N, C-alpha and C. Protein backbone atom coordinates (compact mmCIF):
# COMPACT_ATOMS: atom_id res chain seq x y z
N MET A 1 0.84 -1.18 0.00
CA MET A 1 0.00 0.00 0.00
C MET A 1 0.88 1.24 0.00
N GLU A 2 0.68 2.13 -0.95
CA GLU A 2 1.47 3.35 -1.01
C GLU A 2 0.77 4.42 -0.19
N THR A 3 1.53 5.07 0.65
CA THR A 3 0.93 6.10 1.49
C THR A 3 0.84 7.41 0.74
N PHE A 4 0.01 8.30 1.27
CA PHE A 4 -0.17 9.62 0.65
C PHE A 4 1.14 10.36 0.55
N ALA A 5 1.92 10.38 1.62
CA ALA A 5 3.17 11.13 1.61
C ALA A 5 4.15 10.56 0.60
N ASN A 6 4.20 9.23 0.48
CA ASN A 6 5.10 8.64 -0.51
C ASN A 6 4.62 8.94 -1.92
N ALA A 7 3.32 9.02 -2.12
CA ALA A 7 2.80 9.38 -3.44
C ALA A 7 3.23 10.79 -3.81
N GLY A 8 3.43 11.65 -2.81
CA GLY A 8 3.89 13.01 -3.05
C GLY A 8 5.39 13.14 -3.12
N GLY A 9 6.10 12.04 -3.03
CA GLY A 9 7.55 12.08 -3.16
C GLY A 9 8.31 12.23 -1.86
N ILE A 10 7.66 12.02 -0.73
CA ILE A 10 8.35 12.17 0.55
C ILE A 10 8.64 10.78 1.09
N ALA A 11 9.90 10.48 1.29
CA ALA A 11 10.31 9.18 1.78
C ALA A 11 10.16 9.13 3.29
N PRO A 12 10.07 7.91 3.87
CA PRO A 12 10.08 7.82 5.33
C PRO A 12 11.32 8.48 5.89
N ALA A 13 11.23 8.94 7.13
CA ALA A 13 12.30 9.75 7.72
C ALA A 13 13.66 9.07 7.66
N GLN A 14 13.72 7.76 7.90
CA GLN A 14 15.02 7.10 7.92
C GLN A 14 15.64 7.03 6.53
N GLN A 15 14.87 7.20 5.48
CA GLN A 15 15.39 7.15 4.12
C GLN A 15 15.55 8.53 3.50
N GLN A 16 15.01 9.54 4.13
CA GLN A 16 14.97 10.87 3.53
C GLN A 16 16.35 11.39 3.16
N HIS A 17 17.28 11.29 4.08
CA HIS A 17 18.59 11.91 3.86
C HIS A 17 19.25 11.37 2.61
N SER A 18 19.15 10.08 2.36
CA SER A 18 19.82 9.50 1.20
C SER A 18 19.02 9.70 -0.09
N GLU A 19 17.72 9.88 0.02
CA GLU A 19 16.89 9.94 -1.18
C GLU A 19 16.60 11.35 -1.68
N ILE A 20 16.67 12.33 -0.81
CA ILE A 20 16.32 13.69 -1.21
C ILE A 20 17.51 14.30 -1.93
N LYS A 21 17.28 14.72 -3.15
CA LYS A 21 18.32 15.38 -3.92
C LYS A 21 18.16 16.87 -3.74
N GLN A 22 19.28 17.55 -3.73
CA GLN A 22 19.25 18.99 -3.58
C GLN A 22 18.94 19.62 -4.94
N ILE A 23 17.68 19.83 -5.20
CA ILE A 23 17.24 20.40 -6.47
C ILE A 23 16.71 21.80 -6.20
N ASP A 24 17.19 22.74 -6.96
CA ASP A 24 16.69 24.10 -6.85
C ASP A 24 15.18 24.07 -7.11
N GLN A 25 14.42 24.83 -6.33
CA GLN A 25 12.97 24.79 -6.45
C GLN A 25 12.50 25.26 -7.82
N LEU A 26 13.21 26.19 -8.44
CA LEU A 26 12.82 26.63 -9.77
C LEU A 26 13.04 25.51 -10.78
N ASP A 27 14.13 24.75 -10.64
CA ASP A 27 14.36 23.60 -11.52
C ASP A 27 13.27 22.56 -11.35
N LEU A 28 12.85 22.34 -10.11
CA LEU A 28 11.78 21.39 -9.85
C LEU A 28 10.49 21.85 -10.52
N PHE A 29 10.21 23.14 -10.44
CA PHE A 29 9.02 23.69 -11.10
C PHE A 29 9.10 23.44 -12.60
N ARG A 30 10.25 23.70 -13.19
CA ARG A 30 10.42 23.51 -14.63
C ARG A 30 10.24 22.06 -15.03
N MET A 31 10.77 21.13 -14.23
CA MET A 31 10.61 19.71 -14.55
C MET A 31 9.15 19.30 -14.56
N ASN A 32 8.37 19.90 -13.67
CA ASN A 32 6.95 19.56 -13.59
C ASN A 32 6.11 20.28 -14.63
N ASN A 33 6.70 21.22 -15.34
CA ASN A 33 5.96 22.01 -16.31
C ASN A 33 6.71 22.04 -17.64
N VAL A 34 6.93 20.86 -18.22
CA VAL A 34 7.72 20.77 -19.44
C VAL A 34 7.04 21.46 -20.62
N HIS A 35 5.75 21.70 -20.52
CA HIS A 35 5.02 22.35 -21.61
C HIS A 35 4.92 23.86 -21.42
N ALA A 36 5.61 24.38 -20.44
CA ALA A 36 5.57 25.82 -20.19
C ALA A 36 6.25 26.56 -21.34
N THR A 37 5.66 27.67 -21.72
CA THR A 37 6.23 28.50 -22.78
C THR A 37 7.40 29.32 -22.21
N PRO A 38 8.23 29.88 -23.05
CA PRO A 38 9.29 30.76 -22.55
C PRO A 38 8.73 31.92 -21.70
N GLU A 39 7.57 32.42 -22.11
CA GLU A 39 6.94 33.49 -21.33
C GLU A 39 6.54 33.00 -19.94
N ASP A 40 6.00 31.77 -19.88
CA ASP A 40 5.63 31.19 -18.59
C ASP A 40 6.85 31.08 -17.68
N LYS A 41 7.95 30.64 -18.26
CA LYS A 41 9.18 30.49 -17.47
C LYS A 41 9.69 31.83 -16.96
N GLU A 42 9.63 32.85 -17.78
CA GLU A 42 10.07 34.18 -17.34
C GLU A 42 9.15 34.73 -16.25
N GLU A 43 7.86 34.54 -16.43
CA GLU A 43 6.91 35.00 -15.41
C GLU A 43 7.12 34.26 -14.10
N THR A 44 7.42 32.97 -14.19
CA THR A 44 7.70 32.18 -12.99
C THR A 44 8.92 32.73 -12.27
N LYS A 45 9.98 33.03 -13.02
CA LYS A 45 11.18 33.61 -12.41
C LYS A 45 10.85 34.93 -11.72
N GLU A 46 10.02 35.73 -12.35
CA GLU A 46 9.65 37.03 -11.77
C GLU A 46 8.82 36.85 -10.51
N ILE A 47 7.90 35.91 -10.51
CA ILE A 47 7.08 35.64 -9.32
C ILE A 47 7.97 35.19 -8.17
N ILE A 48 8.89 34.29 -8.47
CA ILE A 48 9.80 33.81 -7.43
C ILE A 48 10.66 34.95 -6.90
N ARG A 49 11.15 35.81 -7.78
CA ARG A 49 11.95 36.95 -7.36
C ARG A 49 11.15 37.85 -6.43
N ILE A 50 9.91 38.14 -6.81
CA ILE A 50 9.05 38.99 -5.99
C ILE A 50 8.81 38.35 -4.62
N LEU A 51 8.50 37.07 -4.61
CA LEU A 51 8.26 36.38 -3.34
C LEU A 51 9.49 36.42 -2.45
N LYS A 52 10.66 36.22 -3.05
CA LYS A 52 11.90 36.21 -2.26
C LYS A 52 12.29 37.60 -1.81
N GLU A 53 12.39 38.52 -2.74
CA GLU A 53 12.96 39.83 -2.45
C GLU A 53 11.98 40.82 -1.84
N ASP A 54 10.77 40.89 -2.37
CA ASP A 54 9.82 41.89 -1.91
C ASP A 54 9.03 41.47 -0.67
N TYR A 55 8.74 40.18 -0.57
CA TYR A 55 7.87 39.72 0.51
C TYR A 55 8.53 38.73 1.48
N ASP A 56 9.75 38.29 1.17
CA ASP A 56 10.45 37.32 2.00
C ASP A 56 9.55 36.13 2.32
N GLN A 57 8.87 35.61 1.30
CA GLN A 57 7.90 34.54 1.48
C GLN A 57 8.22 33.31 0.63
N TYR A 58 9.49 33.06 0.41
CA TYR A 58 9.87 31.90 -0.39
C TYR A 58 10.66 30.96 0.49
N GLU A 59 10.32 29.69 0.47
CA GLU A 59 10.91 28.70 1.36
C GLU A 59 12.41 28.51 1.09
N SER A 60 13.21 28.62 2.14
CA SER A 60 14.64 28.38 2.00
C SER A 60 14.90 26.87 1.94
N GLU A 61 16.12 26.50 1.56
CA GLU A 61 16.48 25.08 1.53
C GLU A 61 16.36 24.47 2.92
N ALA A 62 16.79 25.20 3.94
CA ALA A 62 16.71 24.70 5.32
C ALA A 62 15.24 24.50 5.73
N ASP A 63 14.39 25.46 5.38
CA ASP A 63 12.96 25.32 5.69
C ASP A 63 12.35 24.14 4.94
N ARG A 64 12.74 23.98 3.69
CA ARG A 64 12.22 22.86 2.88
C ARG A 64 12.64 21.54 3.51
N TRP A 65 13.91 21.43 3.89
CA TRP A 65 14.41 20.20 4.49
C TRP A 65 13.65 19.90 5.78
N ASN A 66 13.45 20.93 6.61
CA ASN A 66 12.74 20.75 7.87
C ASN A 66 11.29 20.32 7.62
N ARG A 67 10.62 20.94 6.66
CA ARG A 67 9.24 20.57 6.34
C ARG A 67 9.17 19.11 5.89
N GLU A 68 10.09 18.70 5.02
CA GLU A 68 10.08 17.33 4.52
C GLU A 68 10.39 16.33 5.64
N LYS A 69 11.27 16.71 6.55
CA LYS A 69 11.60 15.86 7.69
C LYS A 69 10.36 15.66 8.58
N ILE A 70 9.67 16.76 8.86
CA ILE A 70 8.47 16.70 9.69
C ILE A 70 7.37 15.88 9.00
N LEU A 71 7.17 16.11 7.71
CA LEU A 71 6.15 15.35 6.98
C LEU A 71 6.50 13.86 6.92
N GLY A 72 7.78 13.55 6.80
CA GLY A 72 8.20 12.15 6.82
C GLY A 72 7.88 11.49 8.14
N LYS A 73 8.16 12.20 9.25
CA LYS A 73 7.84 11.67 10.57
C LYS A 73 6.34 11.53 10.75
N LEU A 74 5.58 12.53 10.31
CA LEU A 74 4.12 12.45 10.38
C LEU A 74 3.61 11.26 9.58
N ASN A 75 4.19 11.01 8.42
CA ASN A 75 3.82 9.86 7.60
C ASN A 75 4.05 8.56 8.37
N GLU A 76 5.18 8.45 9.06
CA GLU A 76 5.47 7.26 9.85
C GLU A 76 4.42 7.06 10.94
N ILE A 77 4.08 8.15 11.64
CA ILE A 77 3.10 8.07 12.73
C ILE A 77 1.74 7.64 12.21
N VAL A 78 1.29 8.25 11.13
CA VAL A 78 -0.02 7.93 10.56
C VAL A 78 -0.04 6.50 10.04
N THR A 79 1.02 6.09 9.36
CA THR A 79 1.10 4.72 8.83
C THR A 79 1.02 3.70 9.96
N GLU A 80 1.76 3.94 11.04
CA GLU A 80 1.73 3.04 12.19
C GLU A 80 0.34 3.03 12.82
N TRP A 81 -0.28 4.19 12.94
CA TRP A 81 -1.62 4.27 13.52
C TRP A 81 -2.63 3.49 12.67
N ILE A 82 -2.53 3.62 11.36
CA ILE A 82 -3.44 2.89 10.47
C ILE A 82 -3.26 1.40 10.63
N LYS A 83 -2.03 0.94 10.74
CA LYS A 83 -1.77 -0.49 10.95
C LYS A 83 -2.40 -0.96 12.25
N GLU A 84 -2.23 -0.17 13.32
CA GLU A 84 -2.78 -0.54 14.62
C GLU A 84 -4.30 -0.58 14.61
N VAL A 85 -4.92 0.39 13.98
CA VAL A 85 -6.38 0.47 13.95
C VAL A 85 -6.98 -0.64 13.10
N SER A 86 -6.28 -1.05 12.06
CA SER A 86 -6.84 -2.03 11.13
C SER A 86 -6.62 -3.47 11.58
N GLU A 87 -5.92 -3.68 12.71
CA GLU A 87 -5.69 -5.05 13.19
C GLU A 87 -6.91 -5.63 13.82
């Protein structure tokens, strides 16, 4: 059974460190949007710049790592709870 968090690409906490690649968030966006036009890509860069520079509202690598670590642990807890409840 594949869990929700694993479907979203988050590995269990004990595997996270080895499986998470350090990918720039803009590169990740581009990989997920291969059909984006050059204009879309430029607008995306501008939105990210605005979020980072004007509003300080863009997730840092450290924040991303922490979020993924927490979600991985939450996934473990929920998975274990589901196993216990379904017995």
